[in-house]
Amino acid sequence: MELADIRTHWNQILDSLLAQDRIAWLAFFDARLASFDGKILTLDFSDSRKLGAAHEYSETRLKQHRLLTAVIKECLHIEVEIIEI
């Protein structure tokens, strides 16, 4: 699986995420798919951060990462780890 393959299916992944958890969908819909090395999917939020304020959502973000990885596994049949830059 290549990054381009994940990009091709990203809308399907987001639609499935939305069906399960709207808050998680809101957290990831503006992410850019930065890289994928076969295991680690790196999401880039640099554009969205310029509009946000400083808040601590680490506990919620972990839950959202688990849900996103589950949806990717369901849609693409691959296991990934999510990191953000």
C-alpha atoms as a PDB file:
ATOM      1  CA  MET A   1       0.000   0.000   0.000  1.00  0.00           C
ATOM      2  CA  GLU A   2       1.334   3.402  -0.998  1.00  0.00           C
ATOM      3  CA  LEU A   3       0.383   6.901   0.165  1.00  0.00           C
ATOM      4  CA  ALA A   4      -1.353   7.470  -3.183  1.00  0.00           C
ATOM      5  CA  ASP A   5      -3.583   4.446  -2.508  1.00  0.00           C
ATOM      6  CA  ILE A   6      -4.617   5.854   0.866  1.00  0.00           C
ATOM      7  CA  ARG A   7      -5.267   9.261  -0.731  1.00  0.00           C
ATOM      8  CA  THR A   8      -7.485   7.591  -3.324  1.00  0.00           C
ATOM      9  CA  HIS A   9      -9.634   6.133  -0.552  1.00  0.00           C
ATOM     10  CA  TRP A  10      -9.383   9.043   1.928  1.00  0.00           C
ATOM     11  CA  ASN A  11     -12.940  10.303   1.270  1.00  0.00           C
ATOM     12  CA  GLN A  12     -14.305   6.790   1.818  1.00  0.00           C
ATOM     13  CA  ILE A  13     -12.344   6.596   5.078  1.00  0.00           C
ATOM     14  CA  LEU A  14     -13.660   9.985   6.192  1.00  0.00           C
ATOM     15  CA  ASP A  15     -17.236   9.022   5.275  1.00  0.00           C
ATOM     16  CA  SER A  16     -16.947   5.866   7.360  1.00  0.00           C
ATOM     17  CA  LEU A  17     -15.430   7.852  10.210  1.00  0.00           C
ATOM     18  CA  LEU A  18     -18.303  10.356  10.014  1.00  0.00           C
ATOM     19  CA  ALA A  19     -20.833   7.534  10.239  1.00  0.00           C
ATOM     20  CA  GLN A  20     -19.196   6.352  13.472  1.00  0.00           C
ATOM     21  CA  ASP A  21     -18.138   9.581  15.196  1.00  0.00           C
ATOM     22  CA  ARG A  22     -18.750  13.120  13.921  1.00  0.00           C
ATOM     23  CA  ILE A  23     -16.236  14.644  16.366  1.00  0.00           C
ATOM     24  CA  ALA A  24     -13.479  12.335  15.104  1.00  0.00           C
ATOM     25  CA  TRP A  25     -14.432  13.253  11.535  1.00  0.00           C
ATOM     26  CA  LEU A  26     -14.139  16.955  12.416  1.00  0.00           C
ATOM     27  CA  ALA A  27     -10.719  16.275  13.921  1.00  0.00           C
ATOM     28  CA  PHE A  28      -9.337  14.657  10.755  1.00  0.00           C
ATOM     29  CA  PHE A  29     -11.227  16.066   7.761  1.00  0.00           C
ATOM     30  CA  ASP A  30      -8.716  18.892   7.225  1.00  0.00           C
ATOM     31  CA  ALA A  31      -5.623  16.734   7.672  1.00  0.00           C
ATOM     32  CA  ARG A  32      -3.177  16.416   4.814  1.00  0.00           C
ATOM     33  CA  LEU A  33      -1.752  12.969   4.243  1.00  0.00           C
ATOM     34  CA  ALA A  34       1.943  13.796   4.558  1.00  0.00           C
ATOM     35  CA  SER A  35       3.623  10.399   4.329  1.00  0.00           C
ATOM     36  CA  PHE A  36       3.210   6.665   4.760  1.00  0.00           C
ATOM     37  CA  ASP A  37       6.120   4.254   5.222  1.00  0.00           C
ATOM     38  CA  GLY A  38       4.081   1.075   5.135  1.00  0.00           C
ATOM     39  CA  LYS A  39       3.177   1.289   8.815  1.00  0.00           C
ATOM     40  CA  ILE A  40       3.121   4.908  10.008  1.00  0.00           C
ATOM     41  CA  LEU A  41       0.682   7.349   8.429  1.00  0.00           C
ATOM     42  CA  THR A  42       1.751  10.936   9.082  1.00  0.00           C
ATOM     43  CA  LEU A  43      -0.973  13.571   9.091  1.00  0.00           C
ATOM     44  CA  ASP A  44      -0.090  17.240   8.582  1.00  0.00           C
ATOM     45  CA  PHE A  45      -2.272  19.810  10.325  1.00  0.00           C
ATOM     46  CA  SER A  46       0.006  22.821   9.779  1.00  0.00           C
ATOM     47  CA  ASP A  47      -2.607  24.734   7.755  1.00  0.00           C
ATOM     48  CA  SER A  48      -5.412  24.112  10.247  1.00  0.00           C
ATOM     49  CA  ARG A  49      -3.292  25.096  13.266  1.00  0.00           C
ATOM     50  CA  LYS A  50      -2.989  28.683  12.116  1.00  0.00           C
ATOM     51  CA  LEU A  51      -6.735  29.034  12.751  1.00  0.00           C
ATOM     52  CA  GLY A  52      -6.811  27.273  16.125  1.00  0.00           C
ATOM     53  CA  ALA A  53      -6.060  28.296  19.655  1.00  0.00           C
ATOM     54  CA  ALA A  54      -3.961  26.498  22.257  1.00  0.00           C
ATOM     55  CA  HIS A  55      -6.076  23.760  23.852  1.00  0.00           C
ATOM     56  CA  GLU A  56      -5.207  20.428  25.408  1.00  0.00           C
ATOM     57  CA  TYR A  57      -7.044  17.586  23.692  1.00  0.00           C
ATOM     58  CA  SER A  58      -4.478  14.804  24.032  1.00  0.00           C
ATOM     59  CA  GLU A  59      -6.830  12.340  25.724  1.00  0.00           C
ATOM     60  CA  THR A  60      -9.539  12.895  23.126  1.00  0.00           C
ATOM     61  CA  ARG A  61      -6.991  12.771  20.307  1.00  0.00           C
ATOM     62  CA  LEU A  62      -5.841   9.284  21.383  1.00  0.00           C
ATOM     63  CA  LYS A  63      -9.429   8.031  21.129  1.00  0.00           C
ATOM     64  CA  GLN A  64      -9.755   9.630  17.701  1.00  0.00           C
ATOM     65  CA  HIS A  65      -6.490   8.036  16.524  1.00  0.00           C
ATOM     66  CA  ARG A  66      -7.754   4.600  17.601  1.00  0.00           C
ATOM     67  CA  LEU A  67     -11.006   5.135  15.716  1.00  0.00           C
ATOM     68  CA  LEU A  68      -9.239   6.385  12.565  1.00  0.00           C
ATOM     69  CA  THR A  69      -6.840   3.422  12.540  1.00  0.00           C
ATOM     70  CA  ALA A  70      -9.813   1.057  12.944  1.00  0.00           C
ATOM     71  CA  VAL A  71     -11.643   2.687  10.027  1.00  0.00           C
ATOM     72  CA  ILE A  72      -8.527   2.512   7.826  1.00  0.00           C
ATOM     73  CA  LYS A  73      -8.182  -1.174   8.694  1.00  0.00           C
ATOM     74  CA  GLU A  74     -11.842  -1.750   7.862  1.00  0.00           C
ATOM     75  CA  CYS A  75     -11.661   0.140   4.542  1.00  0.00           C
ATOM     76  CA  LEU A  76      -8.171  -0.749   3.315  1.00  0.00           C
ATOM     77  CA  HIS A  77      -7.348  -3.924   5.281  1.00  0.00           C
ATOM     78  CA  ILE A  78      -4.050  -2.489   6.554  1.00  0.00           C
ATOM     79  CA  GLU A  79      -2.860  -1.619  10.039  1.00  0.00           C
ATOM     80  CA  VAL A  80      -1.330   1.820  10.482  1.00  0.00           C
ATOM     81  CA  GLU A  81      -0.036   3.965  13.295  1.00  0.00           C
ATOM     82  CA  ILE A  82      -1.025   7.652  13.200  1.00  0.00           C
ATOM     83  CA  ILE A  83       1.337  10.516  13.954  1.00  0.00           C
ATOM     84  CA  GLU A  84       0.740  14.232  13.503  1.00  0.00           C
ATOM     85  CA  ILE A  85       3.101  16.988  12.459  1.00  0.00           C
END
